[in-house]
Amino acid sequence: MPKPPRTPIISCLLAPSALLAGLALSGCSAGVAVPSVATFEIEGQQFRIELVTAELVEHATQLLNGEEVASIPVGRIVRDSPSVNAPWSWHIDPKTVEFADFTTEVCDGLPEFVEDGTLTSDTYCPWSAKVIAVEPVE
């Protein structure tokens, strides 16, 4: 008698804080840790964005692997609250993160422009930012 096909094990690992926050897990991928942090580099400066869905983690991982997918991180700036983005005094609201192929230039700029107020938009979308790491939240 033939054996039935094996169902792949799909798991999403959550940090204890995420479990306490009751984050829903839909569309989890095998081996993907949710939440995670993506580190970006732009002109020698780095910043970090928390990724709270498996889809975002997978997308950032695709960028890290050099795949041709939408590459501009976009999200609402939360000032005076570093979160995962220390030493900067701001972070991107993880609930607003998405990736785009193109955006308006009003939200483009270096992380230091967000820090010093040169970038006055409530949204950050650095066109030339590159993902250099994707790691689970500790």
Protein backbone atom coordinates (compact mmCIF):
# COMPACT_ATOMS: atom_id res chain seq x y z
CA MET A 1 0.00 0.00 0.00
CA PRO A 2 1.52 3.38 -0.99
CA LYS A 3 2.18 5.91 1.71
CA PRO A 4 0.16 9.14 1.61
CA PRO A 5 2.10 12.24 0.53
CA ARG A 6 3.88 14.04 3.35
CA THR A 7 2.54 17.41 4.30
CA PRO A 8 5.34 19.93 4.76
CA ILE A 9 5.67 21.36 8.23
CA ILE A 10 4.99 25.07 8.14
CA SER A 11 6.11 27.08 11.10
CA CYS A 12 6.36 30.69 12.13
CA LEU A 13 8.43 31.43 15.18
CA LEU A 14 7.25 34.26 17.39
CA ALA A 15 9.09 36.22 20.00
CA PRO A 16 7.35 36.06 23.41
CA SER A 17 6.35 39.73 23.09
CA ALA A 18 4.59 38.97 19.81
CA LEU A 19 2.71 36.08 21.38
CA LEU A 20 1.57 38.34 24.20
CA ALA A 21 0.48 40.94 21.66
CA GLY A 22 -1.65 38.28 19.94
CA LEU A 23 -0.18 38.66 16.46
CA ALA A 24 -2.09 36.59 13.93
CA LEU A 25 -0.14 34.29 11.68
CA SER A 26 -1.50 33.97 8.19
CA GLY A 27 0.49 32.86 5.21
CA CYS A 28 3.51 31.67 7.20
CA SER A 29 6.34 30.14 5.24
CA ALA A 30 8.59 27.29 6.28
CA GLY A 31 11.62 28.57 8.16
CA VAL A 32 10.40 32.17 8.39
CA ALA A 33 10.70 33.85 11.77
CA VAL A 34 7.99 36.38 12.52
CA PRO A 35 8.51 39.07 13.63
CA SER A 36 11.90 39.86 12.12
CA VAL A 37 14.04 42.92 11.54
CA ALA A 38 15.36 43.97 8.15
CA THR A 39 18.54 46.04 8.15
CA PHE A 40 18.93 48.45 5.25
CA GLU A 41 21.96 50.39 4.08
CA ILE A 42 21.94 53.63 2.14
CA GLU A 43 25.11 55.61 1.39
CA GLY A 44 26.98 54.11 4.35
CA GLN A 45 24.13 54.64 6.83
CA GLN A 46 22.02 51.83 8.25
CA PHE A 47 18.49 51.70 9.62
CA ARG A 48 16.24 48.85 10.71
CA ILE A 49 12.56 48.08 10.18
CA GLU A 50 10.53 45.51 12.10
CA LEU A 51 8.63 43.12 9.81
CA VAL A 52 5.52 41.65 11.44
CA THR A 53 4.12 39.42 8.69
CA ALA A 54 5.57 36.37 7.01
CA GLU A 55 4.92 38.01 3.63
CA LEU A 56 7.11 41.01 4.52
CA VAL A 57 9.86 38.78 5.89
CA GLU A 58 9.77 36.69 2.72
CA HIS A 59 9.84 39.82 0.55
CA ALA A 60 12.84 41.26 2.42
CA THR A 61 14.59 37.89 2.13
CA GLN A 62 13.97 37.90 -1.61
CA LEU A 63 15.60 41.34 -1.81
CA LEU A 64 18.53 40.10 0.26
CA ASN A 65 18.94 37.23 -2.21
CA GLY A 66 18.99 39.64 -5.16
CA GLU A 67 15.57 38.78 -6.55
CA GLU A 68 13.73 41.32 -8.73
CA VAL A 69 10.83 42.41 -6.50
CA ALA A 70 9.60 45.82 -5.34
CA SER A 71 12.58 47.24 -3.45
CA ILE A 72 11.67 50.55 -1.83
CA PRO A 73 10.71 50.20 1.84
CA VAL A 74 7.80 52.51 2.70
CA GLY A 75 6.26 53.25 6.07
CA ARG A 76 5.04 55.88 8.52
CA ILE A 77 7.74 57.51 10.65
CA VAL A 78 7.32 57.37 14.43
CA ARG A 79 9.56 60.08 15.86
CA ASP A 80 11.20 60.08 19.32
CA SER A 81 10.82 56.30 19.61
CA PRO A 82 13.77 54.19 18.40
CA SER A 83 12.28 50.68 18.88
CA VAL A 84 14.42 48.29 16.74
CA ASN A 85 16.02 51.25 14.96
CA ALA A 86 18.48 52.37 17.65
CA PRO A 87 20.65 54.43 17.69
CA TRP A 88 18.27 56.57 15.61
CA SER A 89 15.56 58.32 17.65
CA TRP A 90 12.81 57.20 15.22
CA HIS A 91 11.44 54.03 13.70
CA ILE A 92 8.97 52.95 11.02
CA ASP A 93 5.56 51.83 12.31
CA PRO A 94 5.63 48.09 11.55
CA LYS A 95 1.89 48.09 10.80
CA THR A 96 2.48 50.45 7.85
CA VAL A 97 5.46 48.75 6.17
CA GLU A 98 5.25 47.82 2.51
CA PHE A 99 7.59 47.63 -0.47
CA ALA A 100 7.07 49.68 -3.63
CA ASP A 101 8.52 49.89 -7.13
CA PHE A 102 8.33 53.69 -7.11
CA THR A 103 7.26 56.52 -4.79
CA THR A 104 7.20 60.30 -4.68
CA GLU A 105 10.53 61.93 -3.86
CA VAL A 106 9.12 63.84 -0.87
CA CYS A 107 9.73 60.77 1.35
CA ASP A 108 13.14 59.81 -0.08
CA GLY A 109 16.35 60.57 1.79
CA LEU A 110 19.04 59.38 4.16
CA PRO A 111 18.25 58.16 7.68
CA GLU A 112 20.07 61.21 9.05
CA PHE A 113 17.54 63.42 7.21
CA VAL A 114 14.73 61.80 9.23
CA GLU A 115 16.79 62.22 12.40
CA ASP A 116 17.58 65.92 11.93
CA GLY A 117 14.16 66.90 10.55
CA THR A 118 15.37 67.70 7.03
CA LEU A 119 12.87 65.12 5.78
CA THR A 120 9.55 66.58 6.96
CA SER A 121 7.24 63.94 5.47
CA ASP A 122 5.44 61.54 7.83
CA THR A 123 6.41 58.73 5.44
CA TYR A 124 9.90 57.38 4.76
CA CYS A 125 10.72 55.76 1.41
CA PRO A 126 14.47 55.73 0.70
CA TRP A 127 14.82 54.86 -2.98
CA SER A 128 18.36 53.50 -2.87
CA ALA A 129 18.15 51.54 0.42
CA LYS A 130 19.38 47.95 0.12
CA VAL A 131 18.54 45.06 2.45
CA ILE A 132 21.75 43.78 4.03
CA ALA A 133 20.27 41.48 6.71
CA VAL A 134 17.01 39.86 7.83
CA GLU A 135 17.08 38.51 11.39
CA PRO A 136 14.50 37.35 13.97
CA VAL A 137 13.56 39.86 16.66
CA GLU A 138 15.39 39.00 19.86
